[in-house]
PDB file of N, CA and C in Angstrom:
ATOM      1  N   MET A   1      80.434  76.725  73.554  1.00  0.00           N
ATOM      2  CA  MET A   1      79.935  78.012  73.240  1.00  0.00           C
ATOM      3  C   MET A   1      80.399  79.116  72.987  1.00  0.00           C
ATOM      4  N   THR A   2      80.017  80.012  72.083  1.00  0.00           N
ATOM      5  CA  THR A   2      80.933  81.437  71.653  1.00  0.00           C
ATOM      6  C   THR A   2      80.595  82.461  73.220  1.00  0.00           C
ATOM      7  N   ASN A   3      81.554  82.954  73.416  1.00  0.00           N
ATOM      8  CA  ASN A   3      81.439  84.405  73.790  1.00  0.00           C
ATOM      9  C   ASN A   3      81.009  85.621  73.383  1.00  0.00           C
ATOM     10  N   TRP A   4      79.882  85.944  73.826  1.00  0.00           N
ATOM     11  CA  TRP A   4      79.089  87.131  73.575  1.00  0.00           C
ATOM     12  C   TRP A   4      79.698  88.159  74.146  1.00  0.00           C
ATOM     13  N   ILE A   5      79.462  89.256  73.212  1.00  0.00           N
ATOM     14  CA  ILE A   5      80.013  90.450  73.305  1.00  0.00           C
ATOM     15  C   ILE A   5      79.104  91.134  75.142  1.00  0.00           C
ATOM     16  N   GLU A   6      80.375  91.797  76.089  1.00  0.00           N
ATOM     17  CA  GLU A   6      79.794  92.011  76.973  1.00  0.00           C
ATOM     18  C   GLU A   6      79.778  93.419  77.069  1.00  0.00           C
ATOM     19  N   PHE A   7      78.884  94.203  77.533  1.00  0.00           N
ATOM     20  CA  PHE A   7      78.745  95.391  77.387  1.00  0.00           C
ATOM     21  C   PHE A   7      78.416  96.093  79.131  1.00  0.00           C
ATOM     22  N   SER A   8      79.179  97.085  79.643  1.00  0.00           N
ATOM     23  CA  SER A   8      79.427  97.715  80.723  1.00  0.00           C
ATOM     24  C   SER A   8      77.653  98.134  80.736  1.00  0.00           C
ATOM     25  N   LEU A   9      77.029  97.866  81.772  1.00  0.00           N
ATOM     26  CA  LEU A   9      75.976  98.249  81.863  1.00  0.00           C
ATOM     27  C   LEU A   9      75.579  98.767  83.187  1.00  0.00           C
ATOM     28  N   GLN A  10      74.790  99.951  83.470  1.00  0.00           N
ATOM     29  CA  GLN A  10      74.179 100.382  84.661  1.00  0.00           C
ATOM     30  C   GLN A  10      72.635 100.314  84.529  1.00  0.00           C
ATOM     31  N   ILE A  11      71.966  98.975  85.979  1.00  0.00           N
ATOM     32  CA  ILE A  11      70.968  98.752  85.591  1.00  0.00           C
ATOM     33  C   ILE A  11      70.220  98.747  87.232  1.00  0.00           C
ATOM     34  N   ASP A  12      69.143  99.720  86.810  1.00  0.00           N
ATOM     35  CA  ASP A  12      68.582 100.077  88.570  1.00  0.00           C
ATOM     36  C   ASP A  12      69.799 100.709  89.041  1.00  0.00           C
ATOM     37  N   GLY A  13      70.708 101.271  88.682  1.00  0.00           N
ATOM     38  CA  GLY A  13      71.708 101.798  89.458  1.00  0.00           C
ATOM     39  C   GLY A  13      73.098 101.302  89.986  1.00  0.00           C
ATOM     40  N   LYS A  14      72.872  99.893  89.535  1.00  0.00           N
ATOM     41  CA  LYS A  14      74.141  99.375  89.693  1.00  0.00           C
ATOM     42  C   LYS A  14      74.774  98.664  88.426  1.00  0.00           C
ATOM     43  N   HIS A  15      75.992  98.765  88.604  1.00  0.00           N
ATOM     44  CA  HIS A  15      77.113  98.564  87.750  1.00  0.00           C
ATOM     45  C   HIS A  15      76.778  96.883  87.504  1.00  0.00           C
ATOM     46  N   ASN A  16      77.056  96.781  86.174  1.00  0.00           N
ATOM     47  CA  ASN A  16      77.360  95.301  85.335  1.00  0.00           C
ATOM     48  C   ASN A  16      77.836  95.002  84.291  1.00  0.00           C
ATOM     49  N   LYS A  17      78.239  93.822  84.063  1.00  0.00           N
ATOM     50  CA  LYS A  17      78.565  93.415  82.554  1.00  0.00           C
ATOM     51  C   LYS A  17      78.055  92.377  82.219  1.00  0.00           C
ATOM     52  N   ALA A  18      77.657  92.589  81.095  1.00  0.00           N
ATOM     53  CA  ALA A  18      76.195  91.450  81.021  1.00  0.00           C
ATOM     54  C   ALA A  18      76.543  91.595  79.190  1.00  0.00           C
ATOM     55  N   ASP A  19      75.763  90.427  78.858  1.00  0.00           N
ATOM     56  CA  ASP A  19      75.685  90.305  77.253  1.00  0.00           C
ATOM     57  C   ASP A  19      74.703  90.955  77.200  1.00  0.00           C
ATOM     58  N   LEU A  20      74.070  91.088  75.569  1.00  0.00           N
ATOM     59  CA  LEU A  20      72.896  91.578  75.090  1.00  0.00           C
ATOM     60  C   LEU A  20      71.731  90.743  75.556  1.00  0.00           C
ATOM     61  N   ALA A  21      71.778  89.629  76.182  1.00  0.00           N
ATOM     62  CA  ALA A  21      70.472  88.652  76.132  1.00  0.00           C
ATOM     63  C   ALA A  21      70.313  89.283  77.817  1.00  0.00           C
ATOM     64  N   TYR A  22      71.197  89.460  78.440  1.00  0.00           N
ATOM     65  CA  TYR A  22      71.004  90.125  79.732  1.00  0.00           C
ATOM     66  C   TYR A  22      70.320  91.465  79.811  1.00  0.00           C
ATOM     67  N   ALA A  23      71.032  92.197  78.885  1.00  0.00           N
ATOM     68  CA  ALA A  23      70.263  93.462  78.648  1.00  0.00           C
ATOM     69  C   ALA A  23      68.936  93.648  78.073  1.00  0.00           C
ATOM     70  N   LEU A  24      68.904  93.075  77.331  1.00  0.00           N
ATOM     71  CA  LEU A  24      67.586  92.733  76.731  1.00  0.00           C
ATOM     72  C   LEU A  24      66.204  92.147  78.073  1.00  0.00           C
ATOM     73  N   ALA A  25      66.870  91.229  78.906  1.00  0.00           N
ATOM     74  CA  ALA A  25      65.971  90.430  79.862  1.00  0.00           C
ATOM     75  C   ALA A  25      65.691  91.810  80.854  1.00  0.00           C
ATOM     76  N   ALA A  26      66.548  93.068  81.392  1.00  0.00           N
ATOM     77  CA  ALA A  26      66.814  93.990  82.103  1.00  0.00           C
ATOM     78  C   ALA A  26      65.586  94.914  81.236  1.00  0.00           C
ATOM     79  N   LEU A  27      65.908  95.115  80.197  1.00  0.00           N
ATOM     80  CA  LEU A  27      64.616  96.264  79.752  1.00  0.00           C
ATOM     81  C   LEU A  27      63.517  95.543  79.331  1.00  0.00           C
ATOM     82  N   SER A  28      63.834  94.621  79.361  1.00  0.00           N
ATOM     83  CA  SER A  28      61.919  94.036  78.962  1.00  0.00           C
ATOM     84  C   SER A  28      61.154  94.036  80.592  1.00  0.00           C
ATOM     85  N   ALA A  29      61.872  93.663  81.755  1.00  0.00           N
ATOM     86  CA  ALA A  29      61.356  94.016  82.443  1.00  0.00           C
ATOM     87  C   ALA A  29      61.204  95.118  82.960  1.00  0.00           C
ATOM     88  N   GLY A  30      61.538  96.098  82.407  1.00  0.00           N
ATOM     89  CA  GLY A  30      61.027  97.753  82.586  1.00  0.00           C
ATOM     90  C   GLY A  30      61.997  98.616  83.842  1.00  0.00           C
ATOM     91  N   CYS A  31      63.406  97.627  83.800  1.00  0.00           N
ATOM     92  CA  CYS A  31      64.361  97.834  84.679  1.00  0.00           C
ATOM     93  C   CYS A  31      65.181  99.663  83.453  1.00  0.00           C
ATOM     94  N   ASP A  32      65.581 100.373  84.526  1.00  0.00           N
ATOM     95  CA  ASP A  32      66.172 101.347  83.773  1.00  0.00           C
ATOM     96  C   ASP A  32      67.800 101.015  83.291  1.00  0.00           C
ATOM     97  N   VAL A  33      68.314 100.746  82.146  1.00  0.00           N
ATOM     98  CA  VAL A  33      69.212 100.183  81.806  1.00  0.00           C
ATOM     99  C   VAL A  33      69.956 101.484  80.947  1.00  0.00           C
ATOM    100  N   ARG A  34      71.330 101.504  81.782  1.00  0.00           N
ATOM    101  CA  ARG A  34      72.318 102.586  80.703  1.00  0.00           C
ATOM    102  C   ARG A  34      73.865 101.843  80.582  1.00  0.00           C
ATOM    103  N   PHE A  35      74.003 102.465  79.022  1.00  0.00           N
ATOM    104  CA  PHE A  35      74.741 101.754  78.731  1.00  0.00           C
ATOM    105  C   PHE A  35      76.172 102.480  78.666  1.00  0.00           C
ATOM    106  N   GLY A  36      77.022 101.911  79.396  1.00  0.00           N
ATOM    107  CA  GLY A  36      78.074 102.925  79.645  1.00  0.00           C
ATOM    108  C   GLY A  36      78.960 103.733  78.725  1.00  0.00           C
ATOM    109  N   ALA A  37      79.279 103.015  77.925  1.00  0.00           N
ATOM    110  CA  ALA A  37      80.482 103.629  77.079  1.00  0.00           C
ATOM    111  C   ALA A  37      79.363 104.180  75.781  1.00  0.00           C
ATOM    112  N   LEU A  38      78.092 103.878  75.617  1.00  0.00           N
ATOM    113  CA  LEU A  38      77.444 104.646  74.744  1.00  0.00           C
ATOM    114  C   LEU A  38      77.546 106.306  74.902  1.00  0.00           C
ATOM    115  N   ARG A  39      78.173 107.078  73.724  1.00  0.00           N
ATOM    116  CA  ARG A  39      77.963 108.344  73.805  1.00  0.00           C
ATOM    117  C   ARG A  39      76.533 108.777  73.100  1.00  0.00           C
ATOM    118  N   PRO A  40      76.426 110.176  73.772  1.00  0.00           N
ATOM    119  CA  PRO A  40      74.712 111.152  73.346  1.00  0.00           C
ATOM    120  C   PRO A  40      74.379 110.737  72.078  1.00  0.00           C
ATOM    121  N   HIS A  41      75.480 111.246  70.911  1.00  0.00           N
ATOM    122  CA  HIS A  41      74.871 110.784  69.638  1.00  0.00           C
ATOM    123  C   HIS A  41      74.462 109.670  69.390  1.00  0.00           C
ATOM    124  N   GLN A  42      75.119 108.390  69.838  1.00  0.00           N
ATOM    125  CA  GLN A  42      74.744 107.119  69.663  1.00  0.00           C
ATOM    126  C   GLN A  42      73.642 106.623  69.911  1.00  0.00           C
ATOM    127  N   ALA A  43      72.897 107.157  70.965  1.00  0.00           N
ATOM    128  CA  ALA A  43      71.826 106.833  72.001  1.00  0.00           C
ATOM    129  C   ALA A  43      70.567 106.422  70.830  1.00  0.00           C
ATOM    130  N   PRO A  44      70.090 106.951  70.038  1.00  0.00           N
ATOM    131  CA  PRO A  44      68.812 106.714  68.956  1.00  0.00           C
ATOM    132  C   PRO A  44      69.064 105.584  68.141  1.00  0.00           C
ATOM    133  N   ALA A  45      70.209 105.709  67.468  1.00  0.00           N
ATOM    134  CA  ALA A  45      70.555 104.537  66.901  1.00  0.00           C
ATOM    135  C   ALA A  45      70.445 103.228  67.653  1.00  0.00           C
ATOM    136  N   TRP A  46      71.484 103.219  68.881  1.00  0.00           N
ATOM    137  CA  TRP A  46      71.276 102.221  69.368  1.00  0.00           C
ATOM    138  C   TRP A  46      69.766 101.609  69.978  1.00  0.00           C
ATOM    139  N   ASN A  47      68.830 102.685  70.377  1.00  0.00           N
ATOM    140  CA  ASN A  47      67.668 102.212  70.867  1.00  0.00           C
ATOM    141  C   ASN A  47      67.429 101.683  69.742  1.00  0.00           C
ATOM    142  N   ALA A  48      67.184 102.004  68.597  1.00  0.00           N
ATOM    143  CA  ALA A  48      66.562 101.382  67.141  1.00  0.00           C
ATOM    144  C   ALA A  48      66.677 100.020  67.102  1.00  0.00           C
ATOM    145  N   PHE A  49      67.886  99.613  67.143  1.00  0.00           N
ATOM    146  CA  PHE A  49      68.839  98.357  66.920  1.00  0.00           C
ATOM    147  C   PHE A  49      68.160  97.632  68.110  1.00  0.00           C
ATOM    148  N   LEU A  50      68.222  97.939  69.409  1.00  0.00           N
ATOM    149  CA  LEU A  50      67.494  97.064  70.484  1.00  0.00           C
ATOM    150  C   LEU A  50      66.243  96.546  69.784  1.00  0.00           C
ATOM    151  N   VAL A  51      65.721  97.875  69.620  1.00  0.00           N
ATOM    152  CA  VAL A  51      63.989  97.369  69.693  1.00  0.00           C
ATOM    153  C   VAL A  51      63.385  96.943  68.461  1.00  0.00           C
ATOM    154  N   GLN A  52      64.603  97.016  67.511  1.00  0.00           N
ATOM    155  CA  GLN A  52      64.015  96.190  65.842  1.00  0.00           C
ATOM    156  C   GLN A  52      64.601  94.656  66.196  1.00  0.00           C
ATOM    157  N   LEU A  53      66.291  94.559  67.127  1.00  0.00           N
ATOM    158  CA  LEU A  53      66.438  93.341  67.425  1.00  0.00           C
ATOM    159  C   LEU A  53      65.127  92.464  68.512  1.00  0.00           C
ATOM    160  N   ALA A  54      64.852  92.889  69.257  1.00  0.00           N
ATOM    161  CA  ALA A  54      63.947  92.251  69.968  1.00  0.00           C
ATOM    162  C   ALA A  54      62.661  92.077  69.258  1.00  0.00           C
ATOM    163  N   THR A  55      62.094  93.001  68.322  1.00  0.00           N
ATOM    164  CA  THR A  55      60.814  92.612  67.608  1.00  0.00           C
ATOM    165  C   THR A  55      60.766  91.650  66.689  1.00  0.00           C
ATOM    166  N   MET A  56      61.987  91.349  66.033  1.00  0.00           N
ATOM    167  CA  MET A  56      62.138  90.561  65.096  1.00  0.00           C
ATOM    168  C   MET A  56      62.634  89.197  65.508  1.00  0.00           C
ATOM    169  N   ALA A  57      62.884  89.353  66.600  1.00  0.00           N
ATOM    170  CA  ALA A  57      63.222  87.619  67.720  1.00  0.00           C
ATOM    171  C   ALA A  57      61.958  87.075  68.311  1.00  0.00           C
ATOM    172  N   LEU A  58      61.239  88.179  68.948  1.00  0.00           N
ATOM    173  CA  LEU A  58      59.919  87.534  69.348  1.00  0.00           C
ATOM    174  C   LEU A  58      58.599  87.234  68.450  1.00  0.00           C
ATOM    175  N   ASP A  59      58.876  88.089  67.236  1.00  0.00           N
ATOM    176  CA  ASP A  59      57.895  88.096  65.846  1.00  0.00           C
ATOM    177  C   ASP A  59      58.291  86.529  65.147  1.00  0.00           C
ATOM    178  N   ARG A  60      60.037  86.248  65.324  1.00  0.00           N
ATOM    179  CA  ARG A  60      59.982  85.048  64.806  1.00  0.00           C
ATOM    180  C   ARG A  60      59.657  83.797  65.895  1.00  0.00           C
ATOM    181  N   ALA A  61      59.479  84.015  66.961  1.00  0.00           N
ATOM    182  CA  ALA A  61      59.316  82.762  68.168  1.00  0.00           C
ATOM    183  C   ALA A  61      57.750  82.944  68.279  1.00  0.00           C
ATOM    184  N   GLY A  62      57.122  83.999  67.547  1.00  0.00           N
ATOM    185  CA  GLY A  62      55.449  84.005  67.833  1.00  0.00           C
ATOM    186  C   GLY A  62      54.684  84.458  69.266  1.00  0.00           C
ATOM    187  N   LYS A  63      56.079  85.077  69.816  1.00  0.00           N
ATOM    188  CA  LYS A  63      55.659  85.798  71.145  1.00  0.00           C
ATOM    189  C   LYS A  63      55.838  87.155  71.022  1.00  0.00           C
ATOM    190  N   THR A  64      54.962  87.666  72.380  1.00  0.00           N
ATOM    191  CA  THR A  64      55.084  88.713  72.565  1.00  0.00           C
ATOM    192  C   THR A  64      55.644  89.589  73.903  1.00  0.00           C
ATOM    193  N   LEU A  65      55.855  91.143  74.156  1.00  0.00           N
ATOM    194  CA  LEU A  65      56.861  91.083  74.878  1.00  0.00           C
ATOM    195  C   LEU A  65      56.294  90.483  76.522  1.00  0.00           C
ATOM    196  N   GLU A  66      57.313  90.166  76.889  1.00  0.00           N
ATOM    197  CA  GLU A  66      57.380  89.653  78.647  1.00  0.00           C
ATOM    198  C   GLU A  66      58.274  90.294  78.656  1.00  0.00           C
ATOM    199  N   PRO A  67      58.604  90.063  80.110  1.00  0.00           N
ATOM    200  CA  PRO A  67      59.940  89.844  80.885  1.00  0.00           C
ATOM    201  C   PRO A  67      60.737  88.765  80.992  1.00  0.00           C
ATOM    202  N   PHE A  68      61.249  88.260  79.984  1.00  0.00           N
ATOM    203  CA  PHE A  68      61.854  87.179  80.069  1.00  0.00           C
ATOM    204  C   PHE A  68      63.209  87.069  80.547  1.00  0.00           C
ATOM    205  N   ASP A  69      63.650  85.987  80.984  1.00  0.00           N
ATOM    206  CA  ASP A  69      64.813  85.976  81.651  1.00  0.00           C
ATOM    207  C   ASP A  69      66.131  86.092  80.656  1.00  0.00           C
ATOM    208  N   PRO A  70      67.392  86.131  81.186  1.00  0.00           N
ATOM    209  CA  PRO A  70      68.150  86.148  79.712  1.00  0.00           C
ATOM    210  C   PRO A  70      68.302  85.163  79.018  1.00  0.00           C
ATOM    211  N   ALA A  71      68.098  83.563  79.948  1.00  0.00           N
ATOM    212  CA  ALA A  71      68.667  82.509  79.223  1.00  0.00           C
ATOM    213  C   ALA A  71      67.566  82.107  77.826  1.00  0.00           C
ATOM    214  N   THR A  72      66.108  82.755  78.388  1.00  0.00           N
ATOM    215  CA  THR A  72      64.779  82.765  77.000  1.00  0.00           C
ATOM    216  C   THR A  72      65.211  83.792  76.178  1.00  0.00           C
ATOM    217  N   TRP A  73      66.097  85.296  76.454  1.00  0.00           N
ATOM    218  CA  TRP A  73      66.586  86.036  75.550  1.00  0.00           C
ATOM    219  C   TRP A  73      67.607  85.710  74.417  1.00  0.00           C
ATOM    220  N   ARG A  74      68.083  84.969  75.241  1.00  0.00           N
ATOM    221  CA  ARG A  74      69.130  84.290  74.520  1.00  0.00           C
ATOM    222  C   ARG A  74      69.156  83.393  73.074  1.00  0.00           C
ATOM    223  N   GLY A  75      67.981  82.368  73.542  1.00  0.00           N
ATOM    224  CA  GLY A  75      67.652  81.748  72.569  1.00  0.00           C
ATOM    225  C   GLY A  75      66.711  82.461  71.667  1.00  0.00           C
ATOM    226  N   LEU A  76      66.233  83.299  71.951  1.00  0.00           N
ATOM    227  CA  LEU A  76      65.236  84.044  70.721  1.00  0.00           C
ATOM    228  C   LEU A  76      66.359  84.610  70.127  1.00  0.00           C
ATOM    229  N   LEU A  77      67.552  85.268  70.270  1.00  0.00           N
ATOM    230  CA  LEU A  77      68.373  85.807  69.569  1.00  0.00           C
ATOM    231  C   LEU A  77      68.831  84.282  68.666  1.00  0.00           C
ATOM    232  N   VAL A  78      69.547  83.449  69.043  1.00  0.00           N
ATOM    233  CA  VAL A  78      70.251  82.502  68.347  1.00  0.00           C
ATOM    234  C   VAL A  78      69.184  82.050  67.281  1.00  0.00           C
ATOM    235  N   ASP A  79      68.086  81.659  67.745  1.00  0.00           N
ATOM    236  CA  ASP A  79      66.433  81.235  66.832  1.00  0.00           C
ATOM    237  C   ASP A  79      66.788  82.044  65.702  1.00  0.00           C
ATOM    238  N   LEU A  80      66.491  83.537  65.714  1.00  0.00           N
ATOM    239  CA  LEU A  80      67.094  84.574  64.860  1.00  0.00           C
ATOM    240  C   LEU A  80      67.877  84.450  63.946  1.00  0.00           C
ATOM    241  N   ALA A  81      69.389  84.593  64.585  1.00  0.00           N
ATOM    242  CA  ALA A  81      70.171  84.217  63.884  1.00  0.00           C
ATOM    243  C   ALA A  81      70.191  83.169  63.132  1.00  0.00           C
ATOM    244  N   ASN A  82      69.732  81.922  63.740  1.00  0.00           N
ATOM    245  CA  ASN A  82      69.930  80.774  62.713  1.00  0.00           C
ATOM    246  C   ASN A  82      68.874  80.698  61.729  1.00  0.00           C
ATOM    247  N   ALA A  83      67.786  81.516  61.833  1.00  0.00           N
ATOM    248  CA  ALA A  83      66.918  81.576  60.661  1.00  0.00           C
ATOM    249  C   ALA A  83      67.595  82.091  59.474  1.00  0.00           C
ATOM    250  N   ASP A  84      68.390  83.126  59.730  1.00  0.00           N
ATOM    251  CA  ASP A  84      69.196  83.555  58.760  1.00  0.00           C
ATOM    252  C   ASP A  84      70.358  82.963  58.279  1.00  0.00           C
ATOM    253  N   GLN A  85      71.069  82.592  59.243  1.00  0.00           N
ATOM    254  CA  GLN A  85      72.232  81.549  58.592  1.00  0.00           C
ATOM    255  C   GLN A  85      72.318  80.367  59.483  1.00  0.00           C
ATOM    256  N   PRO A  86      71.679  78.986  58.913  1.00  0.00           N
ATOM    257  CA  PRO A  86      71.934  77.922  60.069  1.00  0.00           C
ATOM    258  C   PRO A  86      73.260  77.800  60.419  1.00  0.00           C
ATOM    259  N   GLY A  87      73.476  77.515  61.887  1.00  0.00           N
ATOM    260  CA  GLY A  87      74.707  77.346  62.455  1.00  0.00           C
ATOM    261  C   GLY A  87      75.117  78.609  62.851  1.00  0.00           C
ATOM    262  N   SER A  88      74.748  79.687  62.870  1.00  0.00           N
ATOM    263  CA  SER A  88      75.279  81.234  63.035  1.00  0.00           C
ATOM    264  C   SER A  88      74.639  81.723  64.396  1.00  0.00           C
ATOM    265  N   GLY A  89      74.211  80.957  65.193  1.00  0.00           N
ATOM    266  CA  GLY A  89      73.580  81.627  65.974  1.00  0.00           C
ATOM    267  C   GLY A  89      73.893  82.162  67.459  1.00  0.00           C
ATOM    268  N   GLU A  90      74.985  81.095  67.600  1.00  0.00           N
ATOM    269  CA  GLU A  90      76.009  81.998  68.881  1.00  0.00           C
ATOM    270  C   GLU A  90      76.959  83.110  68.428  1.00  0.00           C
ATOM    271  N   THR A  91      77.671  82.569  67.374  1.00  0.00           N
ATOM    272  CA  THR A  91      78.591  83.601  66.718  1.00  0.00           C
ATOM    273  C   THR A  91      78.072  85.114  66.195  1.00  0.00           C
ATOM    274  N   ALA A  92      77.156  84.778  66.005  1.00  0.00           N
ATOM    275  CA  ALA A  92      76.046  86.112  65.565  1.00  0.00           C
ATOM    276  C   ALA A  92      76.174  87.699  66.252  1.00  0.00           C
ATOM    277  N   PHE A  93      76.480  87.122  67.737  1.00  0.00           N
ATOM    278  CA  PHE A  93      76.353  88.127  69.065  1.00  0.00           C
ATOM    279  C   PHE A  93      77.962  87.824  69.978  1.00  0.00           C
ATOM    280  N   ALA A  94      78.400  87.586  68.597  1.00  0.00           N
ATOM    281  CA  ALA A  94      80.397  87.276  69.760  1.00  0.00           C
ATOM    282  C   ALA A  94      81.137  88.416  68.588  1.00  0.00           C
ATOM    283  N   LEU A  95      82.261  88.506  68.989  1.00  0.00           N
ATOM    284  CA  LEU A  95      82.824  90.047  68.347  1.00  0.00           C
ATOM    285  C   LEU A  95      83.896  89.163  67.596  1.00  0.00           C
ATOM    286  N   ILE A  96      84.552  87.780  67.356  1.00  0.00           N
ATOM    287  CA  ILE A  96      85.480  87.021  66.922  1.00  0.00           C
ATOM    288  C   ILE A  96      84.359  85.703  66.189  1.00  0.00           C
ATOM    289  N   ALA A  97      84.542  85.085  65.325  1.00  0.00           N
ATOM    290  CA  ALA A  97      83.706  84.110  64.728  1.00  0.00           C
ATOM    291  C   ALA A  97      84.436  83.949  63.618  1.00  0.00           C
ATOM    292  N   ALA A  98      84.389  82.461  63.010  1.00  0.00           N
ATOM    293  CA  ALA A  98      84.998  81.820  61.973  1.00  0.00           C
ATOM    294  C   ALA A  98      84.908  82.557  60.949  1.00  0.00           C
ATOM    295  N   SER A  99      85.531  82.414  59.934  1.00  0.00           N
ATOM    296  CA  SER A  99      85.408  83.184  58.797  1.00  0.00           C
ATOM    297  C   SER A  99      83.919  82.701  57.994  1.00  0.00           C
ATOM    298  N   ASN A 100      83.450  81.493  58.241  1.00  0.00           N
ATOM    299  CA  ASN A 100      82.023  81.091  57.215  1.00  0.00           C
ATOM    300  C   ASN A 100      81.185  81.438  58.060  1.00  0.00           C
ATOM    301  N   HIS A 101      81.595  82.410  59.442  1.00  0.00           N
ATOM    302  CA  HIS A 101      80.044  82.675  60.467  1.00  0.00           C
ATOM    303  C   HIS A 101      80.305  83.933  60.704  1.00  0.00           C
ATOM    304  N   PRO A 102      79.021  84.730  60.759  1.00  0.00           N
ATOM    305  CA  PRO A 102      79.132  86.070  60.600  1.00  0.00           C
ATOM    306  C   PRO A 102      78.827  86.437  62.208  1.00  0.00           C
ATOM    307  N   ALA A 103      79.795  87.442  62.673  1.00  0.00           N
ATOM    308  CA  ALA A 103      79.890  88.082  64.164  1.00  0.00           C
ATOM    309  C   ALA A 103      78.949  89.447  64.103  1.00  0.00           C
ATOM    310  N   PHE A 104      79.315  89.992  65.133  1.00  0.00           N
ATOM    311  CA  PHE A 104      78.382  91.179  65.907  1.00  0.00           C
ATOM    312  C   PHE A 104      78.734  92.448  65.105  1.00  0.00           C
ATOM    313  N   PHE A 105      77.786  92.766  64.202  1.00  0.00           N
ATOM    314  CA  PHE A 105      77.938  93.931  63.303  1.00  0.00           C
ATOM    315  C   PHE A 105      78.688  93.659  61.892  1.00  0.00           C
ATOM    316  N   GLN A 106      78.992  92.347  61.873  1.00  0.00           N
ATOM    317  CA  GLN A 106      80.109  92.017  61.011  1.00  0.00           C
ATOM    318  C   GLN A 106      79.418  90.913  59.827  1.00  0.00           C
ATOM    319  N   ALA A 107      79.624  91.246  58.725  1.00  0.00           N
ATOM    320  CA  ALA A 107      78.902  90.426  57.291  1.00  0.00           C
ATOM    321  C   ALA A 107      79.265  88.568  57.346  1.00  0.00           C
TER     322      ALA A 107
END
């Protein structure tokens, strides 16, 4: 399994290092999530990205927003990436991937 990118997060006041699936799980549970390295000018675009990514993953799976656990979010994200390019589900959310697979924010 590929290592997904980890973010420095503050979830309900507690500092964590977690991946995108964990962040979406906390957000879907209604937690106060703050991304440590996010600059003020980046916040609107990052928010739009997270909302769009979650919406596409939920739509693809035919689900509605619920407080899913990180494993469920991970599965939803992997399925979404695999739908676009089969076999790329795990690498799509990692910084480094083989040259024939996409990596996070890379074609």
